[in-house]
Amino acid sequence: MDGLSLCRDIGIHRIAVRMDSKLVASWFHCIGDIPWSLARWWSKIREVTQVLDVVVAHVYRELNTPADFMATMGIQTSSDQIFQTDFPSRLLGLARLDRLGIPYVRYR
């Protein structure tokens, strides 16, 4: 929701959202029941997306690595960060792989 609101506020109206949660992608397309505890958030998301051209698609986690990296950064820091320049080098590398269509496969 915050990302969509930010896009709207800075004038980006055509947005492609790729997410590794098939369930959440289906909620965006009004398939399945949204838990009552999330209904308020979904109402706000729908309000924001009414003025945007948003395409939401499910992708496997390996294809969503840049977003996964940014989400992890958000969880690990206590402040909001908006990157418009000076991106972390790891994020740049993951984005380059993404642009080339090369999945990043994690191993542990």
PDB file of N, CA and C in Angstrom:
ATOM      1  N   MET A   1       0.820  -1.182   0.000  1.00  0.00           N
ATOM      2  CA  MET A   1       0.000   0.000   0.000  1.00  0.00           C
ATOM      3  C   MET A   1       0.868   1.252   0.000  1.00  0.00           C
ATOM      4  N   ASP A   2       1.921   1.245   0.822  1.00  0.00           N
ATOM      5  CA  ASP A   2       2.795   2.415   0.882  1.00  0.00           C
ATOM      6  C   ASP A   2       3.489   2.654  -0.455  1.00  0.00           C
ATOM      7  N   GLY A   3       3.935   1.584  -1.090  1.00  0.00           N
ATOM      8  CA  GLY A   3       4.598   1.721  -2.387  1.00  0.00           C
ATOM      9  C   GLY A   3       3.659   2.261  -3.453  1.00  0.00           C
ATOM     10  N   LEU A   4       2.434   1.778  -3.467  1.00  0.00           N
ATOM     11  CA  LEU A   4       1.448   2.271  -4.430  1.00  0.00           C
ATOM     12  C   LEU A   4       1.119   3.736  -4.169  1.00  0.00           C
ATOM     13  N   SER A   5       0.984   4.094  -2.900  1.00  0.00           N
ATOM     14  CA  SER A   5       0.711   5.498  -2.551  1.00  0.00           C
ATOM     15  C   SER A   5       1.872   6.397  -2.967  1.00  0.00           C
ATOM     16  N   LEU A   6       3.090   5.926  -2.747  1.00  0.00           N
ATOM     17  CA  LEU A   6       4.267   6.708  -3.147  1.00  0.00           C
ATOM     18  C   LEU A   6       4.296   6.901  -4.655  1.00  0.00           C
ATOM     19  N   CYS A   7       4.029   5.837  -5.401  1.00  0.00           N
ATOM     20  CA  CYS A   7       3.984   5.957  -6.862  1.00  0.00           C
ATOM     21  C   CYS A   7       2.956   6.999  -7.292  1.00  0.00           C
ATOM     22  N   ARG A   8       1.787   6.924  -6.703  1.00  0.00           N
ATOM     23  CA  ARG A   8       0.731   7.890  -7.030  1.00  0.00           C
ATOM     24  C   ARG A   8       1.189   9.312  -6.720  1.00  0.00           C
ATOM     25  N   ASP A   9       1.808   9.495  -5.571  1.00  0.00           N
ATOM     26  CA  ASP A   9       2.219  10.836  -5.130  1.00  0.00           C
ATOM     27  C   ASP A   9       3.312  11.448  -6.000  1.00  0.00           C
ATOM     28  N   ILE A  10       4.191  10.607  -6.558  1.00  0.00           N
ATOM     29  CA  ILE A  10       5.269  11.159  -7.389  1.00  0.00           C
ATOM     30  C   ILE A  10       4.945  11.090  -8.882  1.00  0.00           C
ATOM     31  N   GLY A  11       3.721  10.673  -9.209  1.00  0.00           N
ATOM     32  CA  GLY A  11       3.257  10.744 -10.591  1.00  0.00           C
ATOM     33  C   GLY A  11       3.484   9.501 -11.434  1.00  0.00           C
ATOM     34  N   ILE A  12       3.772   8.380 -10.809  1.00  0.00           N
ATOM     35  CA  ILE A  12       3.905   7.125 -11.549  1.00  0.00           C
ATOM     36  C   ILE A  12       2.548   6.436 -11.501  1.00  0.00           C
ATOM     37  N   HIS A  13       1.953   6.229 -12.672  1.00  0.00           N
ATOM     38  CA  HIS A  13       0.594   5.700 -12.696  1.00  0.00           C
ATOM     39  C   HIS A  13       0.491   4.306 -13.315  1.00  0.00           C
ATOM     40  N   ARG A  14       1.473   3.893 -14.119  1.00  0.00           N
ATOM     41  CA  ARG A  14       1.470   2.546 -14.693  1.00  0.00           C
ATOM     42  C   ARG A  14       2.437   1.702 -13.887  1.00  0.00           C
ATOM     43  N   ILE A  15       1.907   0.717 -13.178  1.00  0.00           N
ATOM     44  CA  ILE A  15       2.700  -0.048 -12.231  1.00  0.00           C
ATOM     45  C   ILE A  15       2.476  -1.545 -12.450  1.00  0.00           C
ATOM     46  N   ALA A  16       3.579  -2.278 -12.494  1.00  0.00           N
ATOM     47  CA  ALA A  16       3.515  -3.745 -12.538  1.00  0.00           C
ATOM     48  C   ALA A  16       4.011  -4.257 -11.197  1.00  0.00           C
ATOM     49  N   VAL A  17       3.145  -4.982 -10.512  1.00  0.00           N
ATOM     50  CA  VAL A  17       3.487  -5.545  -9.208  1.00  0.00           C
ATOM     51  C   VAL A  17       3.651  -7.049  -9.387  1.00  0.00           C
ATOM     52  N   ARG A  18       4.825  -7.548  -9.008  1.00  0.00           N
ATOM     53  CA  ARG A  18       5.066  -8.986  -9.032  1.00  0.00           C
ATOM     54  C   ARG A  18       5.271  -9.419  -7.591  1.00  0.00           C
ATOM     55  N   MET A  19       4.543 -10.432  -7.192  1.00  0.00           N
ATOM     56  CA  MET A  19       4.661 -10.869  -5.801  1.00  0.00           C
ATOM     57  C   MET A  19       4.758 -12.379  -5.736  1.00  0.00           C
ATOM     58  N   ASP A  20       5.444 -12.841  -4.687  1.00  0.00           N
ATOM     59  CA  ASP A  20       5.626 -14.277  -4.548  1.00  0.00           C
ATOM     60  C   ASP A  20       4.538 -14.928  -3.702  1.00  0.00           C
ATOM     61  N   SER A  21       3.502 -14.189  -3.411  1.00  0.00           N
ATOM     62  CA  SER A  21       2.357 -14.773  -2.707  1.00  0.00           C
ATOM     63  C   SER A  21       1.191 -14.906  -3.685  1.00  0.00           C
ATOM     64  N   LYS A  22       0.935 -16.127  -4.088  1.00  0.00           N
ATOM     65  CA  LYS A  22      -0.180 -16.379  -5.009  1.00  0.00           C
ATOM     66  C   LYS A  22      -1.509 -16.009  -4.360  1.00  0.00           C
ATOM     67  N   LEU A  23      -1.603 -16.228  -3.061  1.00  0.00           N
ATOM     68  CA  LEU A  23      -2.825 -15.911  -2.334  1.00  0.00           C
ATOM     69  C   LEU A  23      -3.104 -14.404  -2.357  1.00  0.00           C
ATOM     70  N   VAL A  24      -2.092 -13.594  -2.065  1.00  0.00           N
ATOM     71  CA  VAL A  24      -2.285 -12.144  -2.042  1.00  0.00           C
ATOM     72  C   VAL A  24      -2.582 -11.625  -3.447  1.00  0.00           C
ATOM     73  N   ALA A  25      -1.925 -12.179  -4.460  1.00  0.00           N
ATOM     74  CA  ALA A  25      -2.228 -11.777  -5.839  1.00  0.00           C
ATOM     75  C   ALA A  25      -3.688 -12.087  -6.168  1.00  0.00           C
ATOM     76  N   SER A  26      -4.185 -13.214  -5.689  1.00  0.00           N
ATOM     77  CA  SER A  26      -5.588 -13.555  -5.952  1.00  0.00           C
ATOM     78  C   SER A  26      -6.527 -12.599  -5.226  1.00  0.00           C
ATOM     79  N   TRP A  27      -6.152 -12.156  -4.028  1.00  0.00           N
ATOM     80  CA  TRP A  27      -6.982 -11.176  -3.326  1.00  0.00           C
ATOM     81  C   TRP A  27      -7.099  -9.891  -4.127  1.00  0.00           C
ATOM     82  N   PHE A  28      -5.993  -9.472  -4.755  1.00  0.00           N
ATOM     83  CA  PHE A  28      -6.041  -8.250  -5.559  1.00  0.00           C
ATOM     84  C   PHE A  28      -7.061  -8.389  -6.686  1.00  0.00           C
ATOM     85  N   HIS A  29      -7.155  -9.591  -7.240  1.00  0.00           N
ATOM     86  CA  HIS A  29      -8.086  -9.847  -8.344  1.00  0.00           C
ATOM     87  C   HIS A  29      -9.464 -10.300  -7.852  1.00  0.00           C
ATOM     88  N   CYS A  30      -9.728 -10.069  -6.553  1.00  0.00           N
ATOM     89  CA  CYS A  30     -11.025 -10.384  -5.942  1.00  0.00           C
ATOM     90  C   CYS A  30     -11.376 -11.865  -6.035  1.00  0.00           C
ATOM     91  N   ILE A  31     -10.364 -12.706  -5.897  1.00  0.00           N
ATOM     92  CA  ILE A  31     -10.564 -14.150  -5.865  1.00  0.00           C
ATOM     93  C   ILE A  31     -10.251 -14.611  -4.453  1.00  0.00           C
ATOM     94  N   GLY A  32     -11.195 -15.247  -3.827  1.00  0.00           N
ATOM     95  CA  GLY A  32     -11.000 -15.729  -2.466  1.00  0.00           C
ATOM     96  C   GLY A  32     -11.404 -14.691  -1.433  1.00  0.00           C
ATOM     97  N   ASP A  33     -11.497 -15.151  -0.210  1.00  0.00           N
ATOM     98  CA  ASP A  33     -11.920 -14.295   0.887  1.00  0.00           C
ATOM     99  C   ASP A  33     -10.720 -13.665   1.585  1.00  0.00           C
ATOM    100  N   ILE A  34     -10.787 -12.369   1.758  1.00  0.00           N
ATOM    101  CA  ILE A  34      -9.755 -11.642   2.484  1.00  0.00           C
ATOM    102  C   ILE A  34     -10.070 -11.756   3.974  1.00  0.00           C
ATOM    103  N   PRO A  35      -9.090 -12.126   4.789  1.00  0.00           N
ATOM    104  CA  PRO A  35      -9.348 -12.213   6.232  1.00  0.00           C
ATOM    105  C   PRO A  35      -9.843 -10.873   6.785  1.00  0.00           C
ATOM    106  N   TRP A  36     -10.755 -10.932   7.726  1.00  0.00           N
ATOM    107  CA  TRP A  36     -11.345  -9.708   8.272  1.00  0.00           C
ATOM    108  C   TRP A  36     -10.272  -8.793   8.848  1.00  0.00           C
ATOM    109  N   SER A  37      -9.202  -9.376   9.374  1.00  0.00           N
ATOM    110  CA  SER A  37      -8.153  -8.561   9.999  1.00  0.00           C
ATOM    111  C   SER A  37      -7.381  -7.730   8.972  1.00  0.00           C
ATOM    112  N   LEU A  38      -7.506  -8.071   7.687  1.00  0.00           N
ATOM    113  CA  LEU A  38      -6.821  -7.328   6.627  1.00  0.00           C
ATOM    114  C   LEU A  38      -7.775  -6.495   5.776  1.00  0.00           C
ATOM    115  N   ALA A  39      -9.062  -6.583   6.054  1.00  0.00           N
ATOM    116  CA  ALA A  39     -10.059  -5.912   5.218  1.00  0.00           C
ATOM    117  C   ALA A  39      -9.839  -4.407   5.146  1.00  0.00           C
ATOM    118  N   ARG A  40      -9.461  -3.788   6.254  1.00  0.00           N
ATOM    119  CA  ARG A  40      -9.229  -2.335   6.260  1.00  0.00           C
ATOM    120  C   ARG A  40      -8.089  -1.958   5.315  1.00  0.00           C
ATOM    121  N   TRP A  41      -7.002  -2.753   5.342  1.00  0.00           N
ATOM    122  CA  TRP A  41      -5.862  -2.479   4.460  1.00  0.00           C
ATOM    123  C   TRP A  41      -6.248  -2.648   3.006  1.00  0.00           C
ATOM    124  N   TRP A  42      -7.020  -3.697   2.705  1.00  0.00           N
ATOM    125  CA  TRP A  42      -7.427  -3.926   1.327  1.00  0.00           C
ATOM    126  C   TRP A  42      -8.352  -2.829   0.824  1.00  0.00           C
ATOM    127  N   SER A  43      -9.166  -2.290   1.701  1.00  0.00           N
ATOM    128  CA  SER A  43     -10.022  -1.169   1.319  1.00  0.00           C
ATOM    129  C   SER A  43      -9.156   0.022   0.905  1.00  0.00           C
ATOM    130  N   LYS A  44      -8.104   0.285   1.660  1.00  0.00           N
ATOM    131  CA  LYS A  44      -7.194   1.391   1.329  1.00  0.00           C
ATOM    132  C   LYS A  44      -6.426   1.105   0.039  1.00  0.00           C
ATOM    133  N   ILE A  45      -5.995  -0.127  -0.149  1.00  0.00           N
ATOM    134  CA  ILE A  45      -5.291  -0.496  -1.381  1.00  0.00           C
ATOM    135  C   ILE A  45      -6.197  -0.284  -2.586  1.00  0.00           C
ATOM    136  N   ARG A  46      -7.431  -0.715  -2.482  1.00  0.00           N
ATOM    137  CA  ARG A  46      -8.377  -0.537  -3.602  1.00  0.00           C
ATOM    138  C   ARG A  46      -8.617   0.947  -3.893  1.00  0.00           C
ATOM    139  N   GLU A  47      -8.675   1.750  -2.843  1.00  0.00           N
ATOM    140  CA  GLU A  47      -8.863   3.190  -3.013  1.00  0.00           C
ATOM    141  C   GLU A  47      -7.682   3.806  -3.771  1.00  0.00           C
ATOM    142  N   VAL A  48      -6.477   3.444  -3.393  1.00  0.00           N
ATOM    143  CA  VAL A  48      -5.276   3.977  -4.050  1.00  0.00           C
ATOM    144  C   VAL A  48      -5.196   3.514  -5.496  1.00  0.00           C
ATOM    145  N   THR A  49      -5.513   2.244  -5.757  1.00  0.00           N
ATOM    146  CA  THR A  49      -5.342   1.700  -7.105  1.00  0.00           C
ATOM    147  C   THR A  49      -6.423   2.138  -8.088  1.00  0.00           C
ATOM    148  N   GLN A  50      -7.484   2.744  -7.602  1.00  0.00           N
ATOM    149  CA  GLN A  50      -8.527   3.217  -8.523  1.00  0.00           C
ATOM    150  C   GLN A  50      -8.021   4.281  -9.477  1.00  0.00           C
ATOM    151  N   VAL A  51      -7.017   5.046  -9.072  1.00  0.00           N
ATOM    152  CA  VAL A  51      -6.485   6.109  -9.931  1.00  0.00           C
ATOM    153  C   VAL A  51      -5.188   5.686 -10.621  1.00  0.00           C
ATOM    154  N   LEU A  52      -4.826   4.405 -10.493  1.00  0.00           N
ATOM    155  CA  LEU A  52      -3.597   3.893 -11.081  1.00  0.00           C
ATOM    156  C   LEU A  52      -3.903   2.787 -12.080  1.00  0.00           C
ATOM    157  N   ASP A  53      -2.967   2.552 -12.989  1.00  0.00           N
ATOM    158  CA  ASP A  53      -3.039   1.430 -13.917  1.00  0.00           C
ATOM    159  C   ASP A  53      -2.106   0.356 -13.369  1.00  0.00           C
ATOM    160  N   VAL A  54      -2.664  -0.557 -12.560  1.00  0.00           N
ATOM    161  CA  VAL A  54      -1.868  -1.546 -11.839  1.00  0.00           C
ATOM    162  C   VAL A  54      -2.124  -2.943 -12.390  1.00  0.00           C
ATOM    163  N   VAL A  55      -1.036  -3.654 -12.655  1.00  0.00           N
ATOM    164  CA  VAL A  55      -1.098  -5.058 -13.050  1.00  0.00           C
ATOM    165  C   VAL A  55      -0.415  -5.844 -11.945  1.00  0.00           C
ATOM    166  N   VAL A  56      -1.110  -6.828 -11.394  1.00  0.00           N
ATOM    167  CA  VAL A  56      -0.565  -7.649 -10.314  1.00  0.00           C
ATOM    168  C   VAL A  56      -0.441  -9.082 -10.819  1.00  0.00           C
ATOM    169  N   ALA A  57       0.743  -9.665 -10.626  1.00  0.00           N
ATOM    170  CA  ALA A  57       0.980 -11.037 -11.061  1.00  0.00           C
ATOM    171  C   ALA A  57       1.788 -11.794 -10.014  1.00  0.00           C
ATOM    172  N   HIS A  58       1.527 -13.074  -9.943  1.00  0.00           N
ATOM    173  CA  HIS A  58       2.304 -13.952  -9.066  1.00  0.00           C
ATOM    174  C   HIS A  58       3.566 -14.391  -9.798  1.00  0.00           C
ATOM    175  N   VAL A  59       4.689 -14.386  -9.095  1.00  0.00           N
ATOM    176  CA  VAL A  59       5.939 -14.953  -9.602  1.00  0.00           C
ATOM    177  C   VAL A  59       6.535 -15.819  -8.499  1.00  0.00           C
ATOM    178  N   TYR A  60       7.348 -16.766  -8.884  1.00  0.00           N
ATOM    179  CA  TYR A  60       8.012 -17.578  -7.882  1.00  0.00           C
ATOM    180  C   TYR A  60       9.049 -16.747  -7.153  1.00  0.00           C
ATOM    181  N   ARG A  61       9.325 -17.102  -5.952  1.00  0.00           N
ATOM    182  CA  ARG A  61      10.186 -16.304  -5.073  1.00  0.00           C
ATOM    183  C   ARG A  61      11.544 -15.985  -5.700  1.00  0.00           C
ATOM    184  N   GLU A  62      12.095 -16.918  -6.448  1.00  0.00           N
ATOM    185  CA  GLU A  62      13.399 -16.683  -7.082  1.00  0.00           C
ATOM    186  C   GLU A  62      13.346 -15.535  -8.086  1.00  0.00           C
ATOM    187  N   LEU A  63      12.173 -15.223  -8.603  1.00  0.00           N
ATOM    188  CA  LEU A  63      12.027 -14.115  -9.550  1.00  0.00           C
ATOM    189  C   LEU A  63      11.676 -12.810  -8.855  1.00  0.00           C
ATOM    190  N   ASN A  64      11.565 -12.831  -7.552  1.00  0.00           N
ATOM    191  CA  ASN A  64      11.168 -11.654  -6.794  1.00  0.00           C
ATOM    192  C   ASN A  64      12.263 -11.237  -5.812  1.00  0.00           C
ATOM    193  N   THR A  65      13.487 -11.627  -6.085  1.00  0.00           N
ATOM    194  CA  THR A  65      14.586 -11.417  -5.153  1.00  0.00           C
ATOM    195  C   THR A  65      14.845  -9.951  -4.831  1.00  0.00           C
ATOM    196  N   PRO A  66      14.818  -9.016  -5.808  1.00  0.00           N
ATOM    197  CA  PRO A  66      15.042  -7.606  -5.428  1.00  0.00           C
ATOM    198  C   PRO A  66      14.014  -7.109  -4.405  1.00  0.00           C
ATOM    199  N   ALA A  67      12.757  -7.449  -4.591  1.00  0.00           N
ATOM    200  CA  ALA A  67      11.719  -7.019  -3.642  1.00  0.00           C
ATOM    201  C   ALA A  67      11.908  -7.700  -2.293  1.00  0.00           C
ATOM    202  N   ASP A  68      12.283  -8.968  -2.313  1.00  0.00           N
ATOM    203  CA  ASP A  68      12.532  -9.699  -1.081  1.00  0.00           C
ATOM    204  C   ASP A  68      13.689  -9.055  -0.310  1.00  0.00           C
ATOM    205  N   PHE A  69      14.730  -8.644  -1.025  1.00  0.00           N
ATOM    206  CA  PHE A  69      15.864  -7.971  -0.405  1.00  0.00           C
ATOM    207  C   PHE A  69      15.436  -6.657   0.251  1.00  0.00           C
ATOM    208  N   MET A  70      14.619  -5.866  -0.471  1.00  0.00           N
ATOM    209  CA  MET A  70      14.163  -4.582   0.079  1.00  0.00           C
ATOM    210  C   MET A  70      13.252  -4.787   1.288  1.00  0.00           C
ATOM    211  N   ALA A  71      12.405  -5.825   1.249  1.00  0.00           N
ATOM    212  CA  ALA A  71      11.542  -6.109   2.395  1.00  0.00           C
ATOM    213  C   ALA A  71      12.380  -6.486   3.611  1.00  0.00           C
ATOM    214  N   THR A  72      13.419  -7.277   3.400  1.00  0.00           N
ATOM    215  CA  THR A  72      14.307  -7.648   4.497  1.00  0.00           C
ATOM    216  C   THR A  72      15.006  -6.418   5.059  1.00  0.00           C
ATOM    217  N   MET A  73      15.444  -5.513   4.186  1.00  0.00           N
ATOM    218  CA  MET A  73      16.061  -4.266   4.651  1.00  0.00           C
ATOM    219  C   MET A  73      15.083  -3.479   5.509  1.00  0.00           C
ATOM    220  N   GLY A  74      13.827  -3.421   5.087  1.00  0.00           N
ATOM    221  CA  GLY A  74      12.816  -2.683   5.832  1.00  0.00           C
ATOM    222  C   GLY A  74      12.574  -3.269   7.211  1.00  0.00           C
ATOM    223  N   ILE A  75      12.598  -4.582   7.290  1.00  0.00           N
ATOM    224  CA  ILE A  75      12.385  -5.245   8.585  1.00  0.00           C
ATOM    225  C   ILE A  75      13.573  -5.023   9.510  1.00  0.00           C
ATOM    226  N   GLN A  76      14.779  -5.003   8.951  1.00  0.00           N
ATOM    227  CA  GLN A  76      15.988  -4.911   9.766  1.00  0.00           C
ATOM    228  C   GLN A  76      16.317  -3.496  10.231  1.00  0.00           C
ATOM    229  N   THR A  77      15.705  -2.494   9.629  1.00  0.00           N
ATOM    230  CA  THR A  77      15.969  -1.113  10.045  1.00  0.00           C
ATOM    231  C   THR A  77      14.751  -0.550  10.753  1.00  0.00           C
ATOM    232  N   SER A  78      14.975   0.446  11.562  1.00  0.00           N
ATOM    233  CA  SER A  78      13.855   1.021  12.312  1.00  0.00           C
ATOM    234  C   SER A  78      13.330   2.309  11.688  1.00  0.00           C
ATOM    235  N   SER A  79      13.881   2.694  10.533  1.00  0.00           N
ATOM    236  CA  SER A  79      13.420   3.926   9.901  1.00  0.00           C
ATOM    237  C   SER A  79      12.958   3.643   8.477  1.00  0.00           C
ATOM    238  N   ASP A  80      12.083   4.495   7.980  1.00  0.00           N
ATOM    239  CA  ASP A  80      11.633   4.377   6.597  1.00  0.00           C
ATOM    240  C   ASP A  80      12.745   4.858   5.682  1.00  0.00           C
ATOM    241  N   GLN A  81      12.929   4.155   4.570  1.00  0.00           N
ATOM    242  CA  GLN A  81      13.938   4.544   3.597  1.00  0.00           C
ATOM    243  C   GLN A  81      13.295   4.589   2.227  1.00  0.00           C
ATOM    244  N   ILE A  82      13.557   5.653   1.502  1.00  0.00           N
ATOM    245  CA  ILE A  82      13.119   5.759   0.120  1.00  0.00           C
ATOM    246  C   ILE A  82      14.377   5.938  -0.709  1.00  0.00           C
ATOM    247  N   PHE A  83      14.640   4.977  -1.585  1.00  0.00           N
ATOM    248  CA  PHE A  83      15.826   5.044  -2.427  1.00  0.00           C
ATOM    249  C   PHE A  83      15.454   5.628  -3.787  1.00  0.00           C
ATOM    250  N   GLN A  84      16.046   6.757  -4.107  1.00  0.00           N
ATOM    251  CA  GLN A  84      15.947   7.291  -5.461  1.00  0.00           C
ATOM    252  C   GLN A  84      17.325   7.351  -6.092  1.00  0.00           C
ATOM    253  N   THR A  85      18.351   7.324  -5.269  1.00  0.00           N
ATOM    254  CA  THR A  85      19.748   7.253  -5.703  1.00  0.00           C
ATOM    255  C   THR A  85      20.503   6.454  -4.648  1.00  0.00           C
ATOM    256  N   ASP A  86      21.758   6.168  -4.911  1.00  0.00           N
ATOM    257  CA  ASP A  86      22.627   5.468  -3.960  1.00  0.00           C
ATOM    258  C   ASP A  86      22.018   4.162  -3.448  1.00  0.00           C
ATOM    259  N   PHE A  87      21.606   3.313  -4.377  1.00  0.00           N
ATOM    260  CA  PHE A  87      21.048   2.015  -4.014  1.00  0.00           C
ATOM    261  C   PHE A  87      22.153   1.116  -3.466  1.00  0.00           C
ATOM    262  N   PRO A  88      21.837   0.245  -2.525  1.00  0.00           N
ATOM    263  CA  PRO A  88      22.830  -0.716  -2.050  1.00  0.00           C
ATOM    264  C   PRO A  88      23.344  -1.566  -3.221  1.00  0.00           C
ATOM    265  N   SER A  89      24.635  -1.884  -3.218  1.00  0.00           N
ATOM    266  CA  SER A  89      25.234  -2.605  -4.346  1.00  0.00           C
ATOM    267  C   SER A  89      24.590  -3.976  -4.557  1.00  0.00           C
ATOM    268  N   ARG A  90      24.221  -4.653  -3.487  1.00  0.00           N
ATOM    269  CA  ARG A  90      23.567  -5.961  -3.634  1.00  0.00           C
ATOM    270  C   ARG A  90      22.231  -5.814  -4.358  1.00  0.00           C
ATOM    271  N   LEU A  91      21.483  -4.773  -4.042  1.00  0.00           N
ATOM    272  CA  LEU A  91      20.206  -4.531  -4.707  1.00  0.00           C
ATOM    273  C   LEU A  91      20.423  -4.248  -6.195  1.00  0.00           C
ATOM    274  N   LEU A  92      21.450  -3.475  -6.523  1.00  0.00           N
ATOM    275  CA  LEU A  92      21.749  -3.199  -7.936  1.00  0.00           C
ATOM    276  C   LEU A  92      22.067  -4.490  -8.691  1.00  0.00           C
ATOM    277  N   GLY A  93      22.853  -5.362  -8.060  1.00  0.00           N
ATOM    278  CA  GLY A  93      23.179  -6.639  -8.695  1.00  0.00           C
ATOM    279  C   GLY A  93      21.955  -7.500  -8.920  1.00  0.00           C
ATOM    280  N   LEU A  94      21.101  -7.585  -7.915  1.00  0.00           N
ATOM    281  CA  LEU A  94      19.870  -8.367  -8.046  1.00  0.00           C
ATOM    282  C   LEU A  94      18.954  -7.778  -9.123  1.00  0.00           C
ATOM    283  N   ALA A  95      18.893  -6.453  -9.202  1.00  0.00           N
ATOM    284  CA  ALA A  95      18.057  -5.801 -10.213  1.00  0.00           C
ATOM    285  C   ALA A  95      18.607  -6.061 -11.621  1.00  0.00           C
ATOM    286  N   ARG A  96      19.921  -6.078 -11.750  1.00  0.00           N
ATOM    287  CA  ARG A  96      20.512  -6.387 -13.065  1.00  0.00           C
ATOM    288  C   ARG A  96      20.164  -7.803 -13.507  1.00  0.00           C
ATOM    289  N   LEU A  97      20.281  -8.763 -12.583  1.00  0.00           N
ATOM    290  CA  LEU A  97      19.895 -10.132 -12.911  1.00  0.00           C
ATOM    291  C   LEU A  97      18.421 -10.189 -13.310  1.00  0.00           C
ATOM    292  N   ASP A  98      17.585  -9.473 -12.563  1.00  0.00           N
ATOM    293  CA  ASP A  98      16.152  -9.442 -12.847  1.00  0.00           C
ATOM    294  C   ASP A  98      15.891  -8.888 -14.242  1.00  0.00           C
ATOM    295  N   ARG A  99      16.557  -7.797 -14.584  1.00  0.00           N
ATOM    296  CA  ARG A  99      16.362  -7.177 -15.898  1.00  0.00           C
ATOM    297  C   ARG A  99      16.777  -8.112 -17.030  1.00  0.00           C
ATOM    298  N   LEU A 100      17.797  -8.923 -16.777  1.00  0.00           N
ATOM    299  CA  LEU A 100      18.262  -9.875 -17.784  1.00  0.00           C
ATOM    300  C   LEU A 100      17.433 -11.153 -17.817  1.00  0.00           C
ATOM    301  N   GLY A 101      16.510 -11.294 -16.872  1.00  0.00           N
ATOM    302  CA  GLY A 101      15.672 -12.484 -16.817  1.00  0.00           C
ATOM    303  C   GLY A 101      16.382 -13.683 -16.217  1.00  0.00           C
ATOM    304  N   ILE A 102      17.426 -13.424 -15.434  1.00  0.00           N
ATOM    305  CA  ILE A 102      18.189 -14.499 -14.803  1.00  0.00           C
ATOM    306  C   ILE A 102      17.752 -14.604 -13.348  1.00  0.00           C
ATOM    307  N   PRO A 103      17.157 -15.715 -12.956  1.00  0.00           N
ATOM    308  CA  PRO A 103      16.715 -15.847 -11.563  1.00  0.00           C
ATOM    309  C   PRO A 103      17.913 -16.004 -10.624  1.00  0.00           C
ATOM    310  N   TYR A 104      17.773 -15.467  -9.439  1.00  0.00           N
ATOM    311  CA  TYR A 104      18.776 -15.640  -8.395  1.00  0.00           C
ATOM    312  C   TYR A 104      18.294 -16.778  -7.508  1.00  0.00           C
ATOM    313  N   VAL A 105      19.015 -17.855  -7.511  1.00  0.00           N
ATOM    314  CA  VAL A 105      18.622 -19.019  -6.733  1.00  0.00           C
ATOM    315  C   VAL A 105      19.415 -19.033  -5.445  1.00  0.00           C
ATOM    316  N   ARG A 106      18.710 -18.981  -4.338  1.00  0.00           N
ATOM    317  CA  ARG A 106      19.357 -18.987  -3.022  1.00  0.00           C
ATOM    318  C   ARG A 106      19.768 -20.403  -2.659  1.00  0.00           C
ATOM    319  N   TYR A 107      20.805 -20.485  -1.899  1.00  0.00           N
ATOM    320  CA  TYR A 107      21.213 -21.768  -1.354  1.00  0.00           C
ATOM    321  C   TYR A 107      21.618 -21.557   0.098  1.00  0.00           C
ATOM    322  N   ARG A 108      21.463 -22.572   0.898  1.00  0.00           N
ATOM    323  CA  ARG A 108      21.819 -22.469   2.323  1.00  0.00           C
ATOM    324  C   ARG A 108      22.522 -23.697   2.771  1.00  0.00           C
TER     325      ARG A 108
END
